[in-house]
C-alpha atoms as a PDB file:
ATOM      1  CA  MET A   1      33.788  41.924 -32.103  1.00  0.00           C
ATOM      2  CA  GLY A   2      31.594  39.136 -33.420  1.00  0.00           C
ATOM      3  CA  SER A   3      27.859  39.292 -32.845  1.00  0.00           C
ATOM      4  CA  VAL A   4      25.595  36.545 -31.536  1.00  0.00           C
ATOM      5  CA  THR A   5      22.423  35.879 -33.484  1.00  0.00           C
ATOM      6  CA  HIS A   6      19.311  35.661 -31.360  1.00  0.00           C
ATOM      7  CA  THR A   7      15.985  34.068 -32.164  1.00  0.00           C
ATOM      8  CA  ASP A   8      12.642  35.810 -31.814  1.00  0.00           C
ATOM      9  CA  ASN A   9      12.346  34.730 -28.180  1.00  0.00           C
ATOM     10  CA  GLY A  10      15.724  36.220 -27.298  1.00  0.00           C
ATOM     11  CA  SER A  11      17.685  32.969 -27.112  1.00  0.00           C
ATOM     12  CA  SER A  12      20.753  32.249 -29.149  1.00  0.00           C
ATOM     13  CA  PRO A  13      20.719  29.211 -31.489  1.00  0.00           C
ATOM     14  CA  ALA A  14      23.395  27.587 -29.325  1.00  0.00           C
ATOM     15  CA  ALA A  15      21.267  28.018 -26.197  1.00  0.00           C
ATOM     16  CA  GLU A  16      18.213  26.578 -27.927  1.00  0.00           C
ATOM     17  CA  GLN A  17      20.229  23.626 -29.187  1.00  0.00           C
ATOM     18  CA  ALA A  18      21.521  22.994 -25.666  1.00  0.00           C
ATOM     19  CA  ALA A  19      17.980  23.166 -24.291  1.00  0.00           C
ATOM     20  CA  ARG A  20      16.770  20.664 -26.889  1.00  0.00           C
ATOM     21  CA  GLY A  21      19.666  18.408 -25.953  1.00  0.00           C
ATOM     22  CA  ARG A  22      18.714  18.527 -22.262  1.00  0.00           C
ATOM     23  CA  ALA A  23      15.090  17.785 -23.131  1.00  0.00           C
ATOM     24  CA  ALA A  24      16.153  14.819 -25.242  1.00  0.00           C
ATOM     25  CA  ASP A  25      18.366  13.530 -22.427  1.00  0.00           C
ATOM     26  CA  THR A  26      15.467  13.872 -19.980  1.00  0.00           C
ATOM     27  CA  SER A  27      13.167  12.001 -22.362  1.00  0.00           C
ATOM     28  CA  ARG A  28      15.697   9.218 -22.845  1.00  0.00           C
ATOM     29  CA  GLY A  29      16.251   9.049 -19.101  1.00  0.00           C
ATOM     30  CA  GLU A  30      12.524   8.707 -18.454  1.00  0.00           C
ATOM     31  CA  GLN A  31      12.250   6.000 -21.106  1.00  0.00           C
ATOM     32  CA  THR A  32      15.115   4.154 -19.447  1.00  0.00           C
ATOM     33  CA  ARG A  33      13.430   4.416 -16.043  1.00  0.00           C
ATOM     34  CA  GLN A  34      10.167   3.104 -17.448  1.00  0.00           C
ATOM     35  CA  ALA A  35      11.929   0.233 -19.200  1.00  0.00           C
ATOM     36  CA  ILE A  36      13.667  -0.788 -15.974  1.00  0.00           C
ATOM     37  CA  VAL A  37      10.427  -0.651 -13.984  1.00  0.00           C
ATOM     38  CA  ALA A  38       8.524  -2.647 -16.625  1.00  0.00           C
ATOM     39  CA  SER A  39      11.209  -5.330 -16.681  1.00  0.00           C
ATOM     40  CA  ALA A  40      11.338  -5.497 -12.896  1.00  0.00           C
ATOM     41  CA  ILE A  41       7.587  -5.908 -12.502  1.00  0.00           C
ATOM     42  CA  ARG A  42       7.447  -8.623 -15.131  1.00  0.00           C
ATOM     43  CA  LEU A  43      10.382 -10.531 -13.639  1.00  0.00           C
ATOM     44  CA  PHE A  44       9.021 -10.175 -10.110  1.00  0.00           C
ATOM     45  CA  GLY A  45       5.834 -11.796 -11.343  1.00  0.00           C
ATOM     46  CA  GLU A  46       7.607 -14.609 -13.184  1.00  0.00           C
ATOM     47  CA  ALA A  47      10.453 -15.516 -10.839  1.00  0.00           C
ATOM     48  CA  GLY A  48       9.431 -13.907  -7.564  1.00  0.00           C
ATOM     49  CA  TYR A  49      10.823 -10.863  -5.820  1.00  0.00           C
ATOM     50  CA  GLU A  50      13.592 -12.612  -3.899  1.00  0.00           C
ATOM     51  CA  LYS A  51      14.956 -14.527  -6.894  1.00  0.00           C
ATOM     52  CA  THR A  52      14.997 -11.557  -9.234  1.00  0.00           C
ATOM     53  CA  THR A  53      18.340  -9.738  -9.238  1.00  0.00           C
ATOM     54  CA  MET A  54      19.173  -6.236 -10.390  1.00  0.00           C
ATOM     55  CA  ARG A  55      21.495  -7.837 -12.955  1.00  0.00           C
ATOM     56  CA  ALA A  56      18.583  -9.784 -14.439  1.00  0.00           C
ATOM     57  CA  ILE A  57      16.414  -6.665 -14.474  1.00  0.00           C
ATOM     58  CA  ALA A  58      19.126  -4.654 -16.217  1.00  0.00           C
ATOM     59  CA  ALA A  59      19.667  -7.361 -18.824  1.00  0.00           C
ATOM     60  CA  ASP A  60      15.946  -7.601 -19.537  1.00  0.00           C
ATOM     61  CA  ALA A  61      15.657  -3.820 -19.861  1.00  0.00           C
ATOM     62  CA  GLY A  62      18.710  -3.649 -22.134  1.00  0.00           C
ATOM     63  CA  VAL A  63      20.770  -1.424 -19.856  1.00  0.00           C
ATOM     64  CA  SER A  64      23.973  -1.894 -17.867  1.00  0.00           C
ATOM     65  CA  VAL A  65      23.802  -2.947 -14.226  1.00  0.00           C
ATOM     66  CA  GLY A  66      25.428   0.351 -13.284  1.00  0.00           C
ATOM     67  CA  ASN A  67      22.750   2.247 -15.176  1.00  0.00           C
ATOM     68  CA  ALA A  68      20.017   0.296 -13.419  1.00  0.00           C
ATOM     69  CA  TYR A  69      21.535   1.123 -10.031  1.00  0.00           C
ATOM     70  CA  TYR A  70      21.878   4.769 -11.084  1.00  0.00           C
ATOM     71  CA  TYR A  71      18.108   5.062 -11.391  1.00  0.00           C
ATOM     72  CA  PHE A  72      17.146   2.599  -8.655  1.00  0.00           C
ATOM     73  CA  PRO A  73      19.675   1.943  -5.852  1.00  0.00           C
ATOM     74  CA  ALA A  74      17.766  -1.147  -4.644  1.00  0.00           C
ATOM     75  CA  LYS A  75      14.925  -3.454  -5.627  1.00  0.00           C
ATOM     76  CA  GLU A  76      12.706  -1.829  -3.021  1.00  0.00           C
ATOM     77  CA  ALA A  77      13.009   1.435  -4.952  1.00  0.00           C
ATOM     78  CA  LEU A  78      11.587  -0.330  -8.002  1.00  0.00           C
ATOM     79  CA  VAL A  79       8.560  -1.513  -6.042  1.00  0.00           C
ATOM     80  CA  SER A  80       8.063   2.013  -4.673  1.00  0.00           C
ATOM     81  CA  GLU A  81       8.214   3.405  -8.210  1.00  0.00           C
ATOM     82  CA  PHE A  82       5.666   0.821  -9.324  1.00  0.00           C
ATOM     83  CA  TYR A  83       3.284   1.880  -6.544  1.00  0.00           C
ATOM     84  CA  LEU A  84       3.802   5.500  -7.505  1.00  0.00           C
ATOM     85  CA  GLU A  85       3.008   4.804 -11.161  1.00  0.00           C
ATOM     86  CA  LEU A  86      -0.224   3.085 -10.140  1.00  0.00           C
ATOM     87  CA  GLN A  87      -1.208   6.094  -8.044  1.00  0.00           C
ATOM     88  CA  ARG A  88      -0.477   8.473 -10.914  1.00  0.00           C
ATOM     89  CA  GLU A  89      -2.600   6.381 -13.264  1.00  0.00           C
ATOM     90  CA  HIS A  90      -5.423   6.226 -10.738  1.00  0.00           C
ATOM     91  CA  LEU A  91      -5.331   9.991 -10.238  1.00  0.00           C
ATOM     92  CA  ALA A  92      -5.496  10.593 -13.994  1.00  0.00           C
ATOM     93  CA  ARG A  93      -8.462   8.239 -14.355  1.00  0.00           C
ATOM     94  CA  VAL A  94     -10.506   9.793 -11.561  1.00  0.00           C
ATOM     95  CA  GLU A  95     -10.081  13.422 -12.642  1.00  0.00           C
ATOM     96  CA  PRO A  96     -13.421  13.435 -14.557  1.00  0.00           C
ATOM     97  CA  ILE A  97     -15.107  11.738 -11.601  1.00  0.00           C
ATOM     98  CA  LEU A  98     -13.872  14.356  -9.141  1.00  0.00           C
ATOM     99  CA  ARG A  99     -15.125  17.136 -11.411  1.00  0.00           C
ATOM    100  CA  SER A 100     -18.544  15.569 -11.907  1.00  0.00           C
ATOM    101  CA  GLY A 101     -21.596  16.807 -10.070  1.00  0.00           C
ATOM    102  CA  THR A 102     -22.694  13.411  -8.820  1.00  0.00           C
ATOM    103  CA  SER A 103     -23.249  12.530  -5.176  1.00  0.00           C
ATOM    104  CA  PHE A 104     -20.575  11.711  -2.632  1.00  0.00           C
ATOM    105  CA  GLY A 105     -21.445   8.022  -2.714  1.00  0.00           C
ATOM    106  CA  ASP A 106     -21.539   7.777  -6.495  1.00  0.00           C
ATOM    107  CA  ARG A 107     -18.154   9.455  -6.847  1.00  0.00           C
ATOM    108  CA  LEU A 108     -16.584   7.388  -4.075  1.00  0.00           C
ATOM    109  CA  ALA A 109     -17.806   4.166  -5.650  1.00  0.00           C
ATOM    110  CA  ALA A 110     -16.514   5.261  -9.057  1.00  0.00           C
ATOM    111  CA  ILE A 111     -13.110   6.155  -7.571  1.00  0.00           C
ATOM    112  CA  LEU A 112     -12.805   2.748  -5.916  1.00  0.00           C
ATOM    113  CA  ARG A 113     -13.890   0.956  -9.106  1.00  0.00           C
ATOM    114  CA  GLU A 114     -11.272   2.833 -11.104  1.00  0.00           C
ATOM    115  CA  GLY A 115      -8.701   1.707  -8.564  1.00  0.00           C
ATOM    116  CA  ILE A 116      -9.690  -1.900  -9.212  1.00  0.00           C
ATOM    117  CA  GLU A 117      -9.292  -1.328 -12.946  1.00  0.00           C
ATOM    118  CA  VAL A 118      -5.805   0.124 -12.434  1.00  0.00           C
ATOM    119  CA  TRP A 119      -4.739  -2.830 -10.272  1.00  0.00           C
ATOM    120  CA  ALA A 120      -6.418  -5.493 -12.428  1.00  0.00           C
ATOM    121  CA  PRO A 121      -3.514  -6.275 -14.834  1.00  0.00           C
ATOM    122  CA  HIS A 122      -1.270  -7.029 -11.835  1.00  0.00           C
ATOM    123  CA  HIS A 123      -3.571  -9.322  -9.870  1.00  0.00           C
ATOM    124  CA  ALA A 124      -1.585 -12.486 -10.591  1.00  0.00           C
ATOM    125  CA  PHE A 125       1.419 -11.328  -8.580  1.00  0.00           C
ATOM    126  CA  ALA A 126       0.022  -8.488  -6.465  1.00  0.00           C
ATOM    127  CA  GLY A 127       0.071 -10.694  -3.386  1.00  0.00           C
ATOM    128  CA  ARG A 128       3.855 -10.833  -3.525  1.00  0.00           C
ATOM    129  CA  PHE A 129       4.056  -7.058  -3.341  1.00  0.00           C
ATOM    130  CA  ILE A 130       1.612  -7.008  -0.435  1.00  0.00           C
ATOM    131  CA  GLY A 131       3.923  -9.437   1.337  1.00  0.00           C
ATOM    132  CA  ILE A 132       6.922  -7.163   0.794  1.00  0.00           C
ATOM    133  CA  ALA A 133       5.008  -4.135   2.065  1.00  0.00           C
ATOM    134  CA  ALA A 134       3.845  -6.032   5.161  1.00  0.00           C
ATOM    135  CA  VAL A 135       7.385  -6.596   6.451  1.00  0.00           C
ATOM    136  CA  PRO A 136       7.943  -4.341   9.513  1.00  0.00           C
ATOM    137  CA  GLY A 137      10.133  -1.400   8.576  1.00  0.00           C
ATOM    138  CA  SER A 138       9.837  -2.072   4.861  1.00  0.00           C
ATOM    139  CA  PRO A 139      10.466   1.051   2.760  1.00  0.00           C
ATOM    140  CA  VAL A 140       7.626  -0.009   0.458  1.00  0.00           C
ATOM    141  CA  SER A 141       5.061  -0.089   3.260  1.00  0.00           C
ATOM    142  CA  PRO A 142       2.225   2.330   2.446  1.00  0.00           C
ATOM    143  CA  PHE A 143       2.989   4.004   5.773  1.00  0.00           C
ATOM    144  CA  SER A 144       6.743   4.435   5.249  1.00  0.00           C
ATOM    145  CA  ALA A 145       8.539   7.720   4.647  1.00  0.00           C
ATOM    146  CA  GLU A 146       9.718   6.368   1.278  1.00  0.00           C
ATOM    147  CA  SER A 147       6.080   5.899   0.212  1.00  0.00           C
ATOM    148  CA  GLY A 148       5.215   9.480   1.102  1.00  0.00           C
ATOM    149  CA  GLU A 149       4.675  10.708  -2.452  1.00  0.00           C
ATOM    150  CA  ALA A 150       2.431   7.792  -3.399  1.00  0.00           C
ATOM    151  CA  ARG A 151       0.502   8.182  -0.139  1.00  0.00           C
ATOM    152  CA  GLU A 152       0.012  11.908  -0.722  1.00  0.00           C
ATOM    153  CA  LEU A 153      -1.265  11.293  -4.250  1.00  0.00           C
ATOM    154  CA  ALA A 154      -3.717   8.691  -2.987  1.00  0.00           C
ATOM    155  CA  THR A 155      -5.028  10.780  -0.107  1.00  0.00           C
ATOM    156  CA  SER A 156      -5.256  13.875  -2.333  1.00  0.00           C
ATOM    157  CA  ILE A 157      -8.006  12.119  -4.287  1.00  0.00           C
ATOM    158  CA  PHE A 158     -10.082  11.695  -1.140  1.00  0.00           C
ATOM    159  CA  HIS A 159      -9.296  15.222   0.070  1.00  0.00           C
ATOM    160  CA  ARG A 160     -10.695  16.595  -3.179  1.00  0.00           C
ATOM    161  CA  LEU A 161     -13.726  14.329  -2.952  1.00  0.00           C
ATOM    162  CA  VAL A 162     -14.537  15.389   0.613  1.00  0.00           C
ATOM    163  CA  ASP A 163     -13.796  19.078   0.011  1.00  0.00           C
ATOM    164  CA  SER A 164     -16.182  19.195  -2.934  1.00  0.00           C
ATOM    165  CA  THR A 165     -19.055  17.211  -1.463  1.00  0.00           C
ATOM    166  CA  GLU A 166     -22.215  18.931  -0.265  1.00  0.00           C
ATOM    167  CA  THR A 167     -23.073  16.017   2.020  1.00  0.00           C
ATOM    168  CA  LYS A 168     -23.554  17.378   5.529  1.00  0.00           C
ATOM    169  CA  MET A 169     -21.443  15.658   8.173  1.00  0.00           C
ATOM    170  CA  ASP A 170     -19.703  16.225  11.483  1.00  0.00           C
ATOM    171  CA  PRO A 171     -16.975  18.876  10.938  1.00  0.00           C
ATOM    172  CA  GLN A 172     -14.369  16.809  12.773  1.00  0.00           C
ATOM    173  CA  LEU A 173     -15.183  13.808  10.626  1.00  0.00           C
ATOM    174  CA  ARG A 174     -14.934  15.906   7.466  1.00  0.00           C
ATOM    175  CA  ALA A 175     -11.390  16.886   8.422  1.00  0.00           C
ATOM    176  CA  ARG A 176     -10.303  13.269   8.932  1.00  0.00           C
ATOM    177  CA  LEU A 177     -12.487  11.496   6.380  1.00  0.00           C
ATOM    178  CA  PRO A 178      -9.817  11.486   3.603  1.00  0.00           C
ATOM    179  CA  GLN A 179      -7.513   9.456   5.847  1.00  0.00           C
ATOM    180  CA  LEU A 180     -10.308   7.049   6.732  1.00  0.00           C
ATOM    181  CA  LEU A 181     -11.205   6.583   3.069  1.00  0.00           C
ATOM    182  CA  TRP A 182      -7.570   5.906   2.188  1.00  0.00           C
ATOM    183  CA  LEU A 183      -7.348   3.274   4.920  1.00  0.00           C
ATOM    184  CA  ALA A 184     -10.577   1.749   3.620  1.00  0.00           C
ATOM    185  CA  GLN A 185      -9.059   1.598   0.145  1.00  0.00           C
ATOM    186  CA  LEU A 186      -5.993  -0.187   1.537  1.00  0.00           C
ATOM    187  CA  GLY A 187      -8.290  -2.755   3.090  1.00  0.00           C
ATOM    188  CA  LEU A 188     -10.072  -3.134  -0.234  1.00  0.00           C
ATOM    189  CA  VAL A 189      -6.736  -3.800  -1.966  1.00  0.00           C
ATOM    190  CA  VAL A 190      -5.908  -6.574   0.498  1.00  0.00           C
ATOM    191  CA  TYR A 191      -9.346  -8.121  -0.080  1.00  0.00           C
ATOM    192  CA  TRP A 192      -8.884  -7.794  -3.851  1.00  0.00           C
ATOM    193  CA  VAL A 193      -5.526  -9.597  -3.674  1.00  0.00           C
ATOM    194  CA  HIS A 194      -7.246 -12.619  -2.136  1.00  0.00           C
ATOM    195  CA  ASP A 195     -10.300 -12.465  -4.404  1.00  0.00           C
ATOM    196  CA  THR A 196     -10.103 -15.386  -6.852  1.00  0.00           C
ATOM    197  CA  THR A 197     -13.490 -14.838  -8.476  1.00  0.00           C
ATOM    198  CA  PRO A 198     -13.412 -14.080 -12.243  1.00  0.00           C
ATOM    199  CA  GLY A 199     -12.513 -10.433 -12.717  1.00  0.00           C
ATOM    200  CA  GLN A 200     -12.550 -10.106  -8.911  1.00  0.00           C
ATOM    201  CA  ARG A 201     -16.296  -9.581  -9.110  1.00  0.00           C
ATOM    202  CA  ARG A 202     -16.649 -10.177  -5.366  1.00  0.00           C
ATOM    203  CA  THR A 203     -14.476  -7.123  -4.672  1.00  0.00           C
ATOM    204  CA  ARG A 204     -16.646  -5.085  -7.014  1.00  0.00           C
ATOM    205  CA  ALA A 205     -19.737  -6.303  -5.168  1.00  0.00           C
ATOM    206  CA  VAL A 206     -18.163  -5.214  -1.871  1.00  0.00           C
ATOM    207  CA  VAL A 207     -17.789  -1.695  -3.280  1.00  0.00           C
ATOM    208  CA  ASP A 208     -21.403  -1.630  -4.442  1.00  0.00           C
ATOM    209  CA  LEU A 209     -22.684  -2.763  -1.038  1.00  0.00           C
ATOM    210  CA  ALA A 210     -20.302  -0.918   1.268  1.00  0.00           C
ATOM    211  CA  VAL A 211     -20.316   2.571  -0.245  1.00  0.00           C
ATOM    212  CA  PRO A 212     -24.051   3.315   0.319  1.00  0.00           C
ATOM    213  CA  TYR A 213     -23.670   2.089   3.906  1.00  0.00           C
ATOM    214  CA  LEU A 214     -20.630   4.307   4.400  1.00  0.00           C
ATOM    215  CA  GLU A 215     -22.432   7.272   2.851  1.00  0.00           C
ATOM    216  CA  TYR A 216     -25.283   6.765   5.326  1.00  0.00           C
ATOM    217  CA  LEU A 217     -22.863   6.687   8.283  1.00  0.00           C
ATOM    218  CA  VAL A 218     -21.130   9.843   7.073  1.00  0.00           C
ATOM    219  CA  GLY A 219     -24.434  11.680   6.818  1.00  0.00           C
ATOM    220  CA  ALA A 220     -25.621  10.376  10.197  1.00  0.00           C
ATOM    221  CA  SER A 221     -22.484  11.731  11.886  1.00  0.00           C
ATOM    222  CA  ARG A 222     -24.012  15.227  11.953  1.00  0.00           C
ATOM    223  CA  MET A 223     -26.742  14.030  14.336  1.00  0.00           C
ATOM    224  CA  LYS A 224     -26.083  14.773  18.009  1.00  0.00           C
ATOM    225  CA  ILE A 225     -26.892  11.225  19.044  1.00  0.00           C
ATOM    226  CA  PHE A 226     -23.899   9.963  17.015  1.00  0.00           C
ATOM    227  CA  LYS A 227     -21.447  12.622  18.265  1.00  0.00           C
ATOM    228  CA  PRO A 228     -19.898  10.418  21.015  1.00  0.00           C
ATOM    229  CA  LEU A 229     -19.380   7.561  18.542  1.00  0.00           C
ATOM    230  CA  THR A 230     -17.775   9.898  16.007  1.00  0.00           C
ATOM    231  CA  THR A 231     -15.456  11.398  18.619  1.00  0.00           C
ATOM    232  CA  ARG A 232     -14.360   7.975  19.861  1.00  0.00           C
ATOM    233  CA  GLY A 233     -13.800   6.758  16.324  1.00  0.00           C
ATOM    234  CA  LEU A 234     -11.574   9.721  15.499  1.00  0.00           C
ATOM    235  CA  THR A 235      -9.637   9.258  18.749  1.00  0.00           C
ATOM    236  CA  LEU A 236      -8.994   5.679  17.682  1.00  0.00           C
ATOM    237  CA  LEU A 237      -7.798   6.927  14.294  1.00  0.00           C
ATOM    238  CA  ASP A 238      -5.355   9.269  16.050  1.00  0.00           C
ATOM    239  CA  ALA A 239      -3.964   6.329  18.007  1.00  0.00           C
ATOM    240  CA  LEU A 240      -3.599   4.143  14.914  1.00  0.00           C
ATOM    241  CA  TRP A 241      -2.453   6.707  12.372  1.00  0.00           C
ATOM    242  CA  PRO A 242       1.355   6.525  12.078  1.00  0.00           C
ATOM    243  CA  HIS A 243       1.657   9.968  10.496  1.00  0.00           C
ATOM    244  CA  ALA A 244      -0.437  12.014  12.913  1.00  0.00           C
ATOM    245  CA  ALA A 245       2.227  14.745  12.883  1.00  0.00           C
ATOM    246  CA  GLU A 246       1.654  15.258   9.165  1.00  0.00           C
END
């Protein structure tokens, strides 16, 4: 009987070649996905979301229409992927901030500023995406089930920030603060979309002014006199939060 040669790690050459082939296919697949997303975002900005077809996106990306639909079954999926890429980039940029020993307020302000930097290249057409997300029932809404992964990435940043802070605060507030901070960031994005100042400097000024005020309120929540206000505020959050079961 013939023998099979094995490498030092116990795999046969044929198995290693097959593994390299799968890795290459995965790499090519990811490059194709990225090319489709890049083309879609550019065309959405140039021609508008409604006028941009999957056929045009596929042609711009240099792939077949069938291939484009294989990766993204609808245009909404492309917008969701774009949001997800932004969240991944933001998470990567704030890693050093989260690990730093600076104060709660300093880290929060730095996280929000990094978010502005991530969004900045897309300011010219970001309003169109906000409009798509604002449609009731839209799968690209930040509150939709389809946006779950992007939402979890975004809120994970604030969970890590709150979990690592030594700032004393009401325990109930500490448990819900990541959600509140995420909602605040959503509001900041909407403001940023409408900010026409050079480099959106007004949005940056809002961060600089609002974060110290927010830090003060968070610290004050531990005082008994503010307990009723904190409790009512969290009850309101429960009523508004569409994913309370999560």
